[in-house]
C-alpha atoms as a PDB file:
ATOM      1  CA  MET A   1     -46.262 -54.883  -0.258  1.00  0.00           C
ATOM      2  CA  THR A   2     -49.225 -52.998  -1.659  1.00  0.00           C
ATOM      3  CA  VAL A   3     -48.609 -49.877  -3.710  1.00  0.00           C
ATOM      4  CA  ALA A   4     -51.359 -47.418  -4.622  1.00  0.00           C
ATOM      5  CA  LEU A   5     -51.045 -45.243  -7.710  1.00  0.00           C
ATOM      6  CA  MET A   6     -53.205 -42.135  -7.750  1.00  0.00           C
ATOM      7  CA  TRP A   7     -54.035 -40.265 -10.964  1.00  0.00           C
ATOM      8  CA  GLU A   8     -55.982 -36.987 -10.805  1.00  0.00           C
ATOM      9  CA  ALA A   9     -57.068 -34.618 -13.553  1.00  0.00           C
ATOM     10  CA  ARG A  10     -59.353 -31.630 -13.922  1.00  0.00           C
ATOM     11  CA  ALA A  11     -61.552 -31.730 -16.981  1.00  0.00           C
ATOM     12  CA  ALA A  12     -62.258 -28.818 -19.246  1.00  0.00           C
ATOM     13  CA  GLU A  13     -65.452 -27.072 -18.120  1.00  0.00           C
ATOM     14  CA  GLY A  14     -68.486 -29.305 -18.494  1.00  0.00           C
ATOM     15  CA  ARG A  15     -66.438 -32.321 -19.633  1.00  0.00           C
ATOM     16  CA  GLY A  16     -66.090 -34.148 -16.311  1.00  0.00           C
ATOM     17  CA  GLY A  17     -68.361 -36.992 -17.437  1.00  0.00           C
ATOM     18  CA  GLU A  18     -66.367 -37.390 -20.628  1.00  0.00           C
ATOM     19  CA  LEU A  19     -63.069 -37.458 -18.709  1.00  0.00           C
ATOM     20  CA  LEU A  20     -64.444 -40.060 -16.299  1.00  0.00           C
ATOM     21  CA  ALA A  21     -65.633 -42.211 -19.225  1.00  0.00           C
ATOM     22  CA  TRP A  22     -62.218 -41.872 -20.876  1.00  0.00           C
ATOM     23  CA  ALA A  23     -60.445 -42.987 -17.677  1.00  0.00           C
ATOM     24  CA  ARG A  24     -62.762 -45.996 -17.313  1.00  0.00           C
ATOM     25  CA  GLU A  25     -62.016 -47.103 -20.893  1.00  0.00           C
ATOM     26  CA  GLN A  26     -58.242 -47.242 -20.341  1.00  0.00           C
ATOM     27  CA  ARG A  27     -56.703 -50.713 -20.045  1.00  0.00           C
ATOM     28  CA  PHE A  28     -53.432 -51.914 -18.562  1.00  0.00           C
ATOM     29  CA  ASP A  29     -51.179 -54.749 -19.753  1.00  0.00           C
ATOM     30  CA  ALA A  30     -51.361 -56.132 -16.201  1.00  0.00           C
ATOM     31  CA  MET A  31     -54.368 -56.173 -13.879  1.00  0.00           C
ATOM     32  CA  PRO A  32     -54.188 -54.231 -10.613  1.00  0.00           C
ATOM     33  CA  LEU A  33     -55.497 -55.776  -7.389  1.00  0.00           C
ATOM     34  CA  ARG A  34     -58.151 -53.077  -7.369  1.00  0.00           C
ATOM     35  CA  ARG A  35     -59.112 -50.003  -9.383  1.00  0.00           C
ATOM     36  CA  GLU A  36     -61.477 -47.284  -8.161  1.00  0.00           C
ATOM     37  CA  TYR A  37     -62.841 -44.098  -9.730  1.00  0.00           C
ATOM     38  CA  PHE A  38     -63.881 -40.869  -7.988  1.00  0.00           C
ATOM     39  CA  ARG A  39     -65.267 -37.526  -9.091  1.00  0.00           C
ATOM     40  CA  ALA A  40     -65.448 -34.183  -7.331  1.00  0.00           C
ATOM     41  CA  PRO A  41     -66.785 -30.684  -7.920  1.00  0.00           C
ATOM     42  CA  GLY A  42     -64.892 -28.724 -10.530  1.00  0.00           C
ATOM     43  CA  ASP A  43     -65.014 -31.637 -13.000  1.00  0.00           C
ATOM     44  CA  ARG A  44     -62.152 -33.423 -11.226  1.00  0.00           C
ATOM     45  CA  VAL A  45     -61.548 -37.150 -11.709  1.00  0.00           C
ATOM     46  CA  LEU A  46     -59.414 -39.377  -9.493  1.00  0.00           C
ATOM     47  CA  VAL A  47     -58.358 -42.956 -10.246  1.00  0.00           C
ATOM     48  CA  ILE A  48     -56.604 -45.136  -7.659  1.00  0.00           C
ATOM     49  CA  THR A  49     -55.077 -48.493  -8.552  1.00  0.00           C
ATOM     50  CA  TRP A  50     -53.658 -50.957  -6.029  1.00  0.00           C
ATOM     51  CA  TRP A  51     -50.765 -53.279  -6.953  1.00  0.00           C
ATOM     52  CA  ASP A  52     -48.968 -56.136  -5.226  1.00  0.00           C
ATOM     53  CA  ALA A  53     -45.483 -54.773  -5.905  1.00  0.00           C
ATOM     54  CA  ALA A  54     -42.457 -53.069  -4.419  1.00  0.00           C
ATOM     55  CA  TYR A  55     -42.706 -49.301  -4.004  1.00  0.00           C
ATOM     56  CA  ASP A  56     -40.262 -48.610  -6.828  1.00  0.00           C
ATOM     57  CA  ALA A  57     -41.592 -51.315  -9.178  1.00  0.00           C
ATOM     58  CA  GLU A  58     -42.254 -50.479 -12.821  1.00  0.00           C
ATOM     59  CA  LEU A  59     -46.074 -50.306 -12.948  1.00  0.00           C
ATOM     60  CA  PRO A  60     -48.496 -49.313 -15.707  1.00  0.00           C
ATOM     61  CA  GLU A  61     -50.094 -45.916 -15.220  1.00  0.00           C
ATOM     62  CA  LEU A  62     -52.960 -44.124 -16.881  1.00  0.00           C
ATOM     63  CA  PRO A  63     -51.732 -41.956 -19.740  1.00  0.00           C
ATOM     64  CA  ASP A  64     -52.469 -38.279 -20.165  1.00  0.00           C
ATOM     65  CA  PRO A  65     -55.820 -37.618 -21.836  1.00  0.00           C
ATOM     66  CA  ALA A  66     -56.117 -35.455 -24.941  1.00  0.00           C
ATOM     67  CA  PRO A  67     -55.119 -31.849 -24.096  1.00  0.00           C
ATOM     68  CA  GLU A  68     -58.543 -30.467 -25.001  1.00  0.00           C
ATOM     69  CA  LEU A  69     -60.162 -32.713 -22.367  1.00  0.00           C
ATOM     70  CA  VAL A  70     -58.260 -31.232 -19.384  1.00  0.00           C
ATOM     71  CA  THR A  71     -57.462 -27.786 -17.988  1.00  0.00           C
ATOM     72  CA  ARG A  72     -54.059 -28.597 -16.511  1.00  0.00           C
ATOM     73  CA  ALA A  73     -51.431 -31.316 -16.352  1.00  0.00           C
ATOM     74  CA  VAL A  74     -52.398 -34.631 -14.744  1.00  0.00           C
ATOM     75  CA  HIS A  75     -51.192 -35.121 -11.159  1.00  0.00           C
ATOM     76  CA  ARG A  76     -49.761 -38.490 -10.114  1.00  0.00           C
ATOM     77  CA  TRP A  77     -48.770 -39.844  -6.691  1.00  0.00           C
ATOM     78  CA  ARG A  78     -47.465 -43.186  -5.437  1.00  0.00           C
ATOM     79  CA  PHE A  79     -48.059 -44.508  -1.916  1.00  0.00           C
ATOM     80  CA  GLU A  80     -47.235 -47.711  -0.065  1.00  0.00           C
ATOM     81  CA  SER A  81     -49.693 -49.305   2.331  1.00  0.00           C
ATOM     82  CA  VAL A  82     -48.637 -49.238   5.971  1.00  0.00           C
ATOM     83  CA  ASP A  83     -51.859 -50.416   7.598  1.00  0.00           C
ATOM     84  CA  ALA A  84     -55.191 -51.802   6.421  1.00  0.00           C
ATOM     85  CA  GLY A  85     -58.153 -51.805   8.689  1.00  0.00           C
END
């Protein structure tokens, strides 16, 4: 089964590039199948990692960045793949 972990944060005003760089520097103890980075207006950053694991498996996640780098708590979601096309 493939599990996708989504991590999304909103940077403090004008610090979106810094938040994206911070996210890209983070390392996991295990390597995901895939890791992709996104940005959006409002200095938002999204990271999706794909894992070959059960839905409820213990998986490494991105930590919370320093409080001064974000405007709110990080949002996290977990999904399982049901179809790839």
